[in-house]
């Protein structure tokens, strides 16, 4: 086994064992399920379900995506329970999302005109123009309907999908490829700099750049290596900071920073206790990073990292948004936490209560 293949195995969130001609086995939180790929979409327990809690049993929705619109309204996208909305900084939530046919929400974004967009696991993109009460599909032109990333810049909207990066053409609500070169590649993260350069972080193929003056995607990897010397091919988060530096969070290699438009990179998280990066918020000179085991901040470009986890009872973060002015919001498998001071957290889950989520295999 090569070192790169071993690294790819370590970033797997779920263990999937292919059973040729039969189906596959899904293992999560200690319980295995066998899903047949043939005629029936039903999920069949491979073990006694009473022996341990199932992977979809939960009392609070697992929040995978968060966005705040221009009026301060927050939307939470859950894995299996659809979309929730809060108009009081997360103190209370109501379930919205009428018209969204896939309850597995992977990404959320809001444009300046007040529209909110949701990217889903199997159903493409949906849009709401009435504060989340009703949603319409906006997926024409997408080759694959898994939408891991949505990026709104002014009135433009970009989507990171299982087939590269698309831009929404508003004149006819059709998605068109930004350019060729990322076909059949899953894009996890998107960012755009002030000069219009678009950056795409992928799953397995590394980091790419597309500038208005170029003819296609260009791969960026100089200095983008982990502590084992392996090139980082799994990019989960991308952020442009106040100085137009690019900050990239990887699946298990920590955080990297580029000050020259992505040409060269340097690691800034050697002192960070956890290398699985789930979210990054840049505020003034402070960088706040959510990991698989807590949230940390640095004010000296990564020389020192300070834990900011007081009150955070679930430290396996799935998404992080916010700013100094609005506060910070962290999505976890135990709902949402809010921090008003950047150091301590409170759970804000009233209305996020949910039962057993349907298995994603039922949504094809």
Protein backbone atom coordinates (compact mmCIF):
# COMPACT_ATOMS: atom_id res chain seq x y z
CA UNK A 1 0.00 0.00 0.00
CA UNK A 2 1.43 3.35 -0.96
CA UNK A 3 1.60 6.22 1.51
CA UNK A 4 -0.81 8.27 -0.61
CA UNK A 5 -3.34 5.45 -0.71
CA UNK A 6 -3.02 5.03 3.04
CA UNK A 7 -3.72 8.71 3.45
CA UNK A 8 -6.81 8.43 1.28
CA UNK A 9 -8.08 5.64 3.49
CA UNK A 10 -7.59 7.71 6.66
CA UNK A 11 -9.82 10.53 5.46
CA UNK A 12 -12.82 8.23 5.02
CA UNK A 13 -15.69 9.20 7.27
CA UNK A 14 -17.63 6.04 6.55
CA UNK A 15 -16.30 2.56 5.98
CA UNK A 16 -17.79 1.09 2.83
CA UNK A 17 -17.01 -2.47 1.84
CA UNK A 18 -18.08 -3.37 -1.68
CA UNK A 19 -19.75 -6.76 -2.00
CA UNK A 20 -19.74 -7.50 -5.70
CA UNK A 21 -23.13 -8.65 -6.99
CA UNK A 22 -24.79 -8.31 -3.59
CA UNK A 23 -24.64 -4.76 -2.31
CA UNK A 24 -22.49 -2.90 0.15
CA UNK A 25 -22.08 -2.62 3.87
CA UNK A 26 -22.25 0.71 5.63
CA UNK A 27 -20.58 0.98 9.01
CA UNK A 28 -21.08 3.99 11.25
CA UNK A 29 -21.11 4.46 15.03
CA UNK A 30 -20.54 0.79 15.61
CA UNK A 31 -23.48 -0.69 13.69
CA UNK A 32 -23.45 -2.23 10.24
CA UNK A 33 -26.24 -2.13 7.70
CA UNK A 34 -26.44 -3.96 4.42
CA UNK A 35 -28.10 -2.08 1.55
CA UNK A 36 -28.94 -4.17 -1.49
CA UNK A 37 -28.21 -2.54 -4.79
CA UNK A 38 -30.67 -4.68 -6.65
CA UNK A 39 -34.43 -4.12 -6.61
CA UNK A 40 -35.30 -3.01 -3.08
CA UNK A 41 -34.04 0.28 -1.65
CA UNK A 42 -34.86 -0.83 1.88
CA UNK A 43 -32.13 -0.76 4.50
CA UNK A 44 -31.66 -4.19 6.11
CA UNK A 45 -30.02 -4.48 9.53
CA UNK A 46 -26.93 -6.66 9.48
CA UNK A 47 -27.01 -6.98 13.24
CA UNK A 48 -29.53 -6.75 16.03
CA UNK A 49 -30.58 -3.06 16.03
CA UNK A 50 -31.33 -3.22 19.73
CA UNK A 51 -27.71 -3.99 20.55
CA UNK A 52 -26.50 -0.46 19.87
CA UNK A 53 -27.89 2.89 18.75
CA UNK A 54 -28.37 3.12 15.00
CA UNK A 55 -26.39 5.62 12.96
CA UNK A 56 -29.49 7.69 12.19
CA UNK A 57 -31.01 7.76 15.69
CA UNK A 58 -30.75 11.18 17.27
CA UNK A 59 -32.72 13.62 19.36
CA UNK A 60 -31.35 16.77 17.69
CA UNK A 61 -30.79 17.26 13.98
CA UNK A 62 -27.25 16.78 12.70
CA UNK A 63 -26.35 20.12 11.14
CA UNK A 64 -24.08 19.97 8.10
CA UNK A 65 -24.55 23.46 6.67
CA UNK A 66 -25.23 26.96 7.99
CA UNK A 67 -25.76 30.34 6.35
CA UNK A 68 -26.85 33.79 7.51
CA UNK A 69 -28.71 36.02 5.07
CA UNK A 70 -28.44 39.79 4.81
CA UNK A 71 -31.15 40.29 7.44
CA UNK A 72 -29.50 38.12 10.07
CA UNK A 73 -31.79 35.14 9.55
CA UNK A 74 -29.95 31.84 9.95
CA UNK A 75 -30.64 28.68 7.98
CA UNK A 76 -29.43 25.26 9.12
CA UNK A 77 -29.18 22.34 6.73
CA UNK A 78 -29.39 18.94 8.37
CA UNK A 79 -28.42 15.48 7.25
CA UNK A 80 -31.76 13.75 6.90
CA UNK A 81 -34.17 16.31 8.37
CA UNK A 82 -34.13 19.07 5.81
CA UNK A 83 -33.82 22.79 6.50
CA UNK A 84 -34.48 24.85 9.62
CA UNK A 85 -34.75 28.63 10.01
CA UNK A 86 -34.09 30.98 12.95
CA UNK A 87 -34.90 34.69 13.12
CA UNK A 88 -33.60 35.15 16.69
CA UNK A 89 -29.91 34.19 16.47
CA UNK A 90 -30.62 30.50 16.91
CA UNK A 91 -32.67 30.77 20.10
CA UNK A 92 -35.59 29.08 18.34
CA UNK A 93 -35.84 27.20 15.06
CA UNK A 94 -38.69 26.27 12.77
CA UNK A 95 -38.59 23.62 10.09
CA UNK A 96 -38.93 25.05 6.59
CA UNK A 97 -38.11 23.58 3.21
CA UNK A 98 -41.43 22.84 1.55
CA UNK A 99 -40.55 21.65 -1.94
CA UNK A 100 -37.09 20.29 -1.08
CA UNK A 101 -37.30 16.65 -2.10
CA UNK A 102 -33.96 15.56 -0.64
CA UNK A 103 -33.68 16.11 3.15
CA UNK A 104 -29.91 15.56 3.14
CA UNK A 105 -28.56 19.11 2.95
CA UNK A 106 -24.84 19.48 2.21
CA UNK A 107 -24.47 23.22 1.51
CA UNK A 108 -26.28 26.55 1.89
CA UNK A 109 -25.72 30.01 0.46
CA UNK A 110 -27.53 33.34 0.29
CA UNK A 111 -27.30 35.99 -2.43
CA UNK A 112 -27.67 39.75 -2.05
CA UNK A 113 -31.19 39.72 -3.44
CA UNK A 114 -32.32 37.67 -0.43
CA UNK A 115 -32.57 34.30 -2.19
CA UNK A 116 -31.36 31.26 -0.26
CA UNK A 117 -29.94 28.20 -2.03
CA UNK A 118 -29.56 24.66 -0.70
CA UNK A 119 -27.30 21.98 -2.17
CA UNK A 120 -28.31 18.41 -1.48
CA UNK A 121 -26.89 14.90 -1.47
CA UNK A 122 -28.93 13.46 -4.33
CA UNK A 123 -31.41 16.16 -5.40
CA UNK A 124 -29.32 19.02 -6.78
CA UNK A 125 -30.00 22.65 -5.82
CA UNK A 126 -33.15 24.30 -4.45
CA UNK A 127 -33.94 28.01 -4.08
CA UNK A 128 -36.25 29.99 -1.82
CA UNK A 129 -37.28 33.61 -2.30
CA UNK A 130 -39.79 33.78 0.58
CA UNK A 131 -37.70 33.32 3.73
CA UNK A 132 -37.49 29.58 3.31
CA UNK A 133 -41.20 28.84 3.29
CA UNK A 134 -41.21 27.37 -0.22
CA UNK A 135 -38.42 26.03 -2.41
CA UNK A 136 -38.09 25.33 -6.10
CA UNK A 137 -35.55 23.06 -7.84
CA UNK A 138 -32.78 24.86 -9.73
CA UNK A 139 -30.75 22.01 -11.18
CA UNK A 140 -31.05 22.21 -14.95
CA UNK A 141 -27.61 21.78 -16.48
CA UNK A 142 -26.02 19.88 -13.60
CA UNK A 143 -24.55 16.57 -14.71
CA UNK A 144 -24.42 15.22 -11.16
CA UNK A 145 -26.78 16.23 -8.37
CA UNK A 146 -24.47 15.95 -5.35
CA UNK A 147 -23.72 19.58 -4.45
CA UNK A 148 -21.06 19.86 -1.74
CA UNK A 149 -20.37 23.59 -2.01
CA UNK A 150 -22.30 26.75 -2.88
CA UNK A 151 -20.59 30.14 -3.17
CA UNK A 152 -22.45 33.43 -3.62
CA UNK A 153 -20.45 36.46 -4.71
CA UNK A 154 -22.69 39.51 -5.16
CA UNK A 155 -25.38 38.18 -7.50
CA UNK A 156 -23.30 35.32 -8.88
CA UNK A 157 -23.70 31.78 -7.61
CA UNK A 158 -21.23 28.91 -8.04
CA UNK A 159 -21.73 25.23 -7.20
CA UNK A 160 -19.14 22.60 -6.36
CA UNK A 161 -20.52 19.26 -7.50
CA UNK A 162 -19.47 15.70 -8.25
CA UNK A 163 -18.66 16.91 -11.75
CA UNK A 164 -16.62 20.04 -11.09
CA UNK A 165 -17.70 23.68 -10.76
CA UNK A 166 -20.76 25.31 -12.29
CA UNK A 167 -22.11 28.87 -12.46
CA UNK A 168 -25.82 29.68 -12.40
CA UNK A 169 -26.95 31.67 -15.43
CA UNK A 170 -29.82 33.69 -14.02
CA UNK A 171 -31.38 34.56 -17.37
CA UNK A 172 -32.70 31.02 -17.74
CA UNK A 173 -31.84 29.39 -14.37
CA UNK A 174 -29.42 27.02 -16.04
CA UNK A 175 -26.11 25.82 -14.62
CA UNK A 176 -23.14 26.01 -16.98
CA UNK A 177 -19.62 24.65 -16.35
CA UNK A 178 -17.15 27.35 -15.35
CA UNK A 179 -14.61 25.71 -17.63
CA UNK A 180 -13.35 22.22 -18.46
CA UNK A 181 -10.79 20.26 -16.50
CA UNK A 182 -12.64 19.09 -13.38
CA UNK A 183 -15.00 16.63 -15.05
CA UNK A 184 -16.19 13.85 -12.70
CA UNK A 185 -14.21 15.38 -9.82
CA UNK A 186 -15.98 16.07 -6.51
CA UNK A 187 -15.50 19.68 -5.42
CA UNK A 188 -15.76 20.23 -1.67
CA UNK A 189 -14.89 23.92 -1.32
CA UNK A 190 -15.02 27.15 -3.32
CA UNK A 191 -13.62 30.65 -2.82
CA UNK A 192 -13.17 33.69 -5.05
CA UNK A 193 -10.65 36.48 -4.59
CA UNK A 194 -11.26 40.18 -5.25
CA UNK A 195 -9.74 39.97 -8.75
CA UNK A 196 -12.25 37.31 -9.81
CA UNK A 197 -9.97 34.30 -9.47
CA UNK A 198 -11.89 31.19 -8.48
CA UNK A 199 -10.39 28.48 -6.27
CA UNK A 200 -11.73 24.93 -6.00
CA UNK A 201 -10.80 22.36 -3.35
CA UNK A 202 -11.45 18.79 -4.40
CA UNK A 203 -11.72 15.34 -2.92
CA UNK A 204 -8.67 13.43 -4.08
CA UNK A 205 -7.32 15.76 -6.76
CA UNK A 206 -6.06 18.69 -4.72
CA UNK A 207 -6.54 22.42 -5.19
CA UNK A 208 -7.21 24.29 -8.44
CA UNK A 209 -7.34 27.90 -9.61
CA UNK A 210 -9.20 29.51 -12.51
CA UNK A 211 -8.53 33.16 -13.28
CA UNK A 212 -10.47 35.33 -15.74
CA UNK A 213 -7.40 35.43 -17.99
CA UNK A 214 -6.72 31.69 -18.07
CA UNK A 215 -8.10 29.04 -20.38
CA UNK A 216 -8.73 26.36 -17.77
CA UNK A 217 -8.16 25.10 -14.26
CA UNK A 218 -4.56 25.12 -12.98
CA UNK A 219 -3.53 22.81 -10.16
CA UNK A 220 -1.79 24.39 -7.16
CA UNK A 221 0.43 22.26 -4.94
CA UNK A 222 3.80 23.95 -4.31
CA UNK A 223 4.30 23.67 -0.55
CA UNK A 224 0.90 22.07 -0.03
CA UNK A 225 2.32 19.05 1.80
CA UNK A 226 1.52 17.49 5.14
CA UNK A 227 4.02 16.61 7.87
CA UNK A 228 4.72 13.28 6.11
CA UNK A 229 5.73 15.11 2.93
CA UNK A 230 2.64 13.99 1.01
CA UNK A 231 0.80 16.43 -1.28
CA UNK A 232 -2.58 17.39 0.12
CA UNK A 233 -5.20 16.11 -2.31
CA UNK A 234 -8.24 16.41 -0.06
CA UNK A 235 -9.29 20.02 0.50
CA UNK A 236 -12.37 20.59 2.66
CA UNK A 237 -12.44 24.37 3.33
CA UNK A 238 -11.30 27.49 1.47
CA UNK A 239 -11.37 31.07 2.78
CA UNK A 240 -10.05 34.42 1.51
CA UNK A 241 -8.93 36.56 4.46
CA UNK A 242 -8.96 40.36 4.82
CA UNK A 243 -5.55 40.66 3.11
CA UNK A 244 -6.65 38.44 0.19
CA UNK A 245 -4.52 35.58 1.44
CA UNK A 246 -5.97 32.14 0.73
CA UNK A 247 -6.46 29.76 3.64
CA UNK A 248 -7.07 26.09 2.91
CA UNK A 249 -8.29 23.48 5.38
CA UNK A 250 -7.61 19.84 4.56
CA UNK A 251 -9.23 16.57 5.54
CA UNK A 252 -6.37 15.43 7.77
CA UNK A 253 -3.34 17.60 7.00
CA UNK A 254 -4.17 20.80 8.85
CA UNK A 255 -4.30 24.39 7.57
CA UNK A 256 -2.24 26.04 4.82
CA UNK A 257 -1.90 29.68 3.78
CA UNK A 258 -0.90 31.31 0.50
CA UNK A 259 0.05 34.97 0.15
CA UNK A 260 0.67 34.90 -3.61
CA UNK A 261 -2.58 33.79 -5.14
CA UNK A 262 -2.02 30.09 -4.51
CA UNK A 263 1.36 29.77 -6.23
CA UNK A 264 3.08 28.74 -3.00
CA UNK A 265 1.77 27.49 0.33
CA UNK A 266 3.02 27.08 3.85
CA UNK A 267 1.51 25.13 6.74
CA UNK A 268 0.27 27.24 9.66
CA UNK A 269 -1.17 24.54 11.90
CA UNK A 270 1.80 22.55 13.15
CA UNK A 271 0.80 23.58 16.69
CA UNK A 272 -2.86 22.72 16.14
CA UNK A 273 -3.90 19.62 18.15
CA UNK A 274 -6.20 18.25 15.42
CA UNK A 275 -5.54 18.19 11.65
CA UNK A 276 -9.09 17.41 10.46
CA UNK A 277 -10.34 20.85 9.42
CA UNK A 278 -14.11 21.38 9.27
CA UNK A 279 -14.51 25.16 9.07
CA UNK A 280 -12.53 28.42 9.01
CA UNK A 281 -13.63 31.95 9.91
CA UNK A 282 -11.32 34.91 9.27
CA UNK A 283 -12.00 38.07 11.28
CA UNK A 284 -9.52 40.95 11.23
CA UNK A 285 -6.19 39.40 12.27
CA UNK A 286 -7.82 36.41 13.95
CA UNK A 287 -8.24 33.02 12.33
CA UNK A 288 -10.75 30.66 13.93
CA UNK A 289 -10.56 27.01 12.89
CA UNK A 290 -13.06 24.24 13.61
CA UNK A 291 -11.66 20.72 13.72
CA UNK A 292 -12.77 17.19 14.40
CA UNK A 293 -11.94 17.80 18.05
CA UNK A 294 -12.69 21.37 19.02
CA UNK A 295 -12.35 24.96 17.87
CA UNK A 296 -9.11 26.95 18.04
CA UNK A 297 -7.99 30.48 17.21
CA UNK A 298 -4.72 32.11 16.31
CA UNK A 299 -3.78 35.79 16.21
CA UNK A 300 -0.20 35.26 14.99
CA UNK A 301 -0.74 33.36 11.71
CA UNK A 302 -0.59 29.94 13.30
CA UNK A 303 2.41 30.18 15.60
CA UNK A 304 0.13 29.58 18.58
CA UNK A 305 -3.37 28.16 18.74
CA UNK A 306 -5.72 28.75 21.67
CA UNK A 307 -8.67 26.41 22.35
CA UNK A 308 -12.05 28.16 22.53
CA UNK A 309 -14.29 25.29 23.56
CA UNK A 310 -15.94 26.28 26.85
CA UNK A 311 -19.51 25.01 26.78
CA UNK A 312 -19.01 23.12 23.51
CA UNK A 313 -20.30 19.71 24.56
CA UNK A 314 -19.85 18.25 21.07
CA UNK A 315 -16.41 19.13 19.73
CA UNK A 316 -16.66 17.20 16.44
CA UNK A 317 -17.59 20.25 14.38
CA UNK A 318 -19.23 19.88 10.96
CA UNK A 319 -19.53 23.53 9.89
CA UNK A 320 -18.54 26.96 11.27
CA UNK A 321 -19.79 30.40 10.21
CA UNK A 322 -19.95 33.92 11.64
CA UNK A 323 -17.95 37.01 12.44
CA UNK A 324 -17.10 39.31 15.33
CA UNK A 325 -20.26 41.33 14.65
CA UNK A 326 -22.74 38.46 14.27
CA UNK A 327 -21.23 35.90 16.61
CA UNK A 328 -20.07 32.41 15.72
CA UNK A 329 -22.27 29.43 14.93
CA UNK A 330 -21.05 25.83 14.90
CA UNK A 331 -23.02 22.94 13.44
CA UNK A 332 -22.53 19.50 14.95
CA UNK A 333 -24.25 16.14 15.08
CA UNK A 334 -25.86 17.53 18.25
CA UNK A 335 -27.35 20.60 16.63
CA UNK A 336 -26.06 24.18 16.74
CA UNK A 337 -23.88 26.06 19.22
CA UNK A 338 -23.48 29.86 19.35
CA UNK A 339 -20.64 31.96 20.70
CA UNK A 340 -21.07 35.69 21.33
CA UNK A 341 -17.57 36.31 22.66
CA UNK A 342 -15.53 33.88 20.54
CA UNK A 343 -14.53 31.85 23.60
CA UNK A 344 -17.60 30.27 25.19
CA UNK A 345 -20.54 28.48 23.63
CA UNK A 346 -24.19 27.73 24.33
CA UNK A 347 -26.40 25.15 22.64
CA UNK A 348 -29.20 26.77 20.62
CA UNK A 349 -31.37 23.85 19.64
CA UNK A 350 -34.98 24.69 20.51
CA UNK A 351 -36.95 23.53 17.50
CA UNK A 352 -34.11 21.43 16.09
CA UNK A 353 -35.39 18.30 17.82
CA UNK A 354 -35.68 15.44 15.38
CA UNK A 355 -36.30 11.74 15.42
CA UNK A 356 -34.70 9.03 13.35
CA UNK A 357 -33.36 10.35 10.05
CA UNK A 358 -34.24 8.35 6.95
CA UNK A 359 -31.32 6.44 5.45
CA UNK A 360 -29.77 8.33 2.51
CA UNK A 361 -29.83 5.16 0.41
CA UNK A 362 -33.58 5.60 -0.02
CA UNK A 363 -33.04 8.85 -1.93
CA UNK A 364 -31.75 8.09 -5.39
